[in-house]
Amino acid sequence: MTDPVRGLTGTLTSPIRGKGTLGEVLVAIRGGTESYIARSDEHIARGDTVLVIEVHPGRIVDVVPWIPLDPGPGGVISI
């Protein structure tokens, strides 16, 4: 069974200071918000938006920084 939180974005309420450390992420799901223990291989600051890429037992999720696409002038995405 796939956890519905995988693939969603959330906001870190506690920073992740690098590999081996844990933070906390709030994810909007099921008409409310739920908190999960978050981990990542890199430093991610409190308040940053992250993408949940994997879900583990015990409400632990792997996350990566989320960088939303920002269309430039005229709605064109430049890389």
C-alpha atoms as a PDB file:
ATOM      1  CA  MET A   1       0.000   0.000   0.000  1.00  0.00           C
ATOM      2  CA  THR A   2       1.316   3.446  -0.926  1.00  0.00           C
ATOM      3  CA  ASP A   3       1.111   6.126   1.739  1.00  0.00           C
ATOM      4  CA  PRO A   4      -0.840   9.136   0.409  1.00  0.00           C
ATOM      5  CA  VAL A   5       1.755  11.594   1.769  1.00  0.00           C
ATOM      6  CA  ARG A   6       4.408  10.473  -0.746  1.00  0.00           C
ATOM      7  CA  GLY A   7       4.733  13.083  -3.476  1.00  0.00           C
ATOM      8  CA  LEU A   8       3.201  15.883  -1.411  1.00  0.00           C
ATOM      9  CA  THR A   9       4.950  19.035  -0.280  1.00  0.00           C
ATOM     10  CA  GLY A  10       5.172  20.306   3.271  1.00  0.00           C
ATOM     11  CA  THR A  11       6.813  22.950   5.442  1.00  0.00           C
ATOM     12  CA  LEU A  12       9.625  22.192   7.871  1.00  0.00           C
ATOM     13  CA  THR A  13       8.747  23.263  11.389  1.00  0.00           C
ATOM     14  CA  SER A  14      12.083  22.036  12.723  1.00  0.00           C
ATOM     15  CA  PRO A  15      15.301  22.240  10.657  1.00  0.00           C
ATOM     16  CA  ILE A  16      17.243  19.262   9.365  1.00  0.00           C
ATOM     17  CA  ARG A  17      20.905  19.931  10.035  1.00  0.00           C
ATOM     18  CA  GLY A  18      22.241  17.287   7.633  1.00  0.00           C
ATOM     19  CA  LYS A  19      22.570  13.535   7.200  1.00  0.00           C
ATOM     20  CA  GLY A  20      21.777  11.608  10.372  1.00  0.00           C
ATOM     21  CA  THR A  21      19.673  14.368  11.921  1.00  0.00           C
ATOM     22  CA  LEU A  22      15.897  14.651  12.087  1.00  0.00           C
ATOM     23  CA  GLY A  23      13.453  17.492  11.662  1.00  0.00           C
ATOM     24  CA  GLU A  24       9.680  17.812  11.531  1.00  0.00           C
ATOM     25  CA  VAL A  25       7.478  18.558   8.538  1.00  0.00           C
ATOM     26  CA  LEU A  26       3.815  19.591   8.375  1.00  0.00           C
ATOM     27  CA  VAL A  27       1.945  18.187   5.391  1.00  0.00           C
ATOM     28  CA  ALA A  28      -1.540  19.245   4.298  1.00  0.00           C
ATOM     29  CA  ILE A  29      -3.513  16.005   3.891  1.00  0.00           C
ATOM     30  CA  ARG A  30      -7.020  14.647   4.490  1.00  0.00           C
ATOM     31  CA  GLY A  31      -8.491  18.123   4.927  1.00  0.00           C
ATOM     32  CA  GLY A  32      -6.045  19.109   7.667  1.00  0.00           C
ATOM     33  CA  THR A  33      -2.334  19.025   8.468  1.00  0.00           C
ATOM     34  CA  GLU A  34      -0.302  16.180   9.898  1.00  0.00           C
ATOM     35  CA  SER A  35       3.230  16.194  11.268  1.00  0.00           C
ATOM     36  CA  TYR A  36       5.902  13.688  10.303  1.00  0.00           C
ATOM     37  CA  ILE A  37       9.490  13.129  11.362  1.00  0.00           C
ATOM     38  CA  ALA A  38      11.615  14.267   8.427  1.00  0.00           C
ATOM     39  CA  ARG A  39      15.101  13.284   7.358  1.00  0.00           C
ATOM     40  CA  SER A  40      17.379  14.327   4.517  1.00  0.00           C
ATOM     41  CA  ASP A  41      21.001  13.980   3.425  1.00  0.00           C
ATOM     42  CA  GLU A  42      21.385  17.756   3.343  1.00  0.00           C
ATOM     43  CA  HIS A  43      20.749  20.780   5.547  1.00  0.00           C
ATOM     44  CA  ILE A  44      17.255  22.227   5.128  1.00  0.00           C
ATOM     45  CA  ALA A  45      16.199  25.291   7.107  1.00  0.00           C
ATOM     46  CA  ARG A  46      13.072  25.735   9.205  1.00  0.00           C
ATOM     47  CA  GLY A  47      10.258  27.200   7.113  1.00  0.00           C
ATOM     48  CA  ASP A  48      11.543  25.755   3.825  1.00  0.00           C
ATOM     49  CA  THR A  49       9.185  23.832   1.565  1.00  0.00           C
ATOM     50  CA  VAL A  50      10.099  20.190   0.975  1.00  0.00           C
ATOM     51  CA  LEU A  51       8.895  17.300  -1.184  1.00  0.00           C
ATOM     52  CA  VAL A  52       8.199  13.940   0.475  1.00  0.00           C
ATOM     53  CA  ILE A  53      10.007  11.291  -1.595  1.00  0.00           C
ATOM     54  CA  GLU A  54       9.735   8.218   0.646  1.00  0.00           C
ATOM     55  CA  VAL A  55       7.649   7.072   3.615  1.00  0.00           C
ATOM     56  CA  HIS A  56       8.863   4.711   6.362  1.00  0.00           C
ATOM     57  CA  PRO A  57       7.137   3.086   9.360  1.00  0.00           C
ATOM     58  CA  GLY A  58       6.756   5.293  12.428  1.00  0.00           C
ATOM     59  CA  ARG A  59       5.686   8.411  10.500  1.00  0.00           C
ATOM     60  CA  ILE A  60       9.220   8.989   9.209  1.00  0.00           C
ATOM     61  CA  VAL A  61       9.594  10.545   5.756  1.00  0.00           C
ATOM     62  CA  ASP A  62      12.555  11.289   3.511  1.00  0.00           C
ATOM     63  CA  VAL A  63      12.407  14.775   2.035  1.00  0.00           C
ATOM     64  CA  VAL A  64      14.277  16.966  -0.451  1.00  0.00           C
ATOM     65  CA  PRO A  65      14.102  20.739  -0.901  1.00  0.00           C
ATOM     66  CA  TRP A  66      11.205  21.761  -3.138  1.00  0.00           C
ATOM     67  CA  ILE A  67      12.009  24.352  -5.762  1.00  0.00           C
ATOM     68  CA  PRO A  68       8.781  25.422  -7.476  1.00  0.00           C
ATOM     69  CA  LEU A  69       8.947  26.347 -11.134  1.00  0.00           C
ATOM     70  CA  ASP A  70       8.675  30.089 -11.557  1.00  0.00           C
ATOM     71  CA  PRO A  71       7.480  31.125 -14.997  1.00  0.00           C
ATOM     72  CA  GLY A  72       9.377  34.099 -16.349  1.00  0.00           C
ATOM     73  CA  PRO A  73       7.853  36.949 -18.310  1.00  0.00           C
ATOM     74  CA  GLY A  74       5.074  35.743 -20.584  1.00  0.00           C
ATOM     75  CA  GLY A  75       4.709  32.490 -18.647  1.00  0.00           C
ATOM     76  CA  VAL A  76       7.889  31.003 -20.127  1.00  0.00           C
ATOM     77  CA  ILE A  77       9.996  28.796 -17.862  1.00  0.00           C
ATOM     78  CA  SER A  78      13.682  29.528 -18.361  1.00  0.00           C
ATOM     79  CA  ILE A  79      16.341  27.079 -17.267  1.00  0.00           C
END
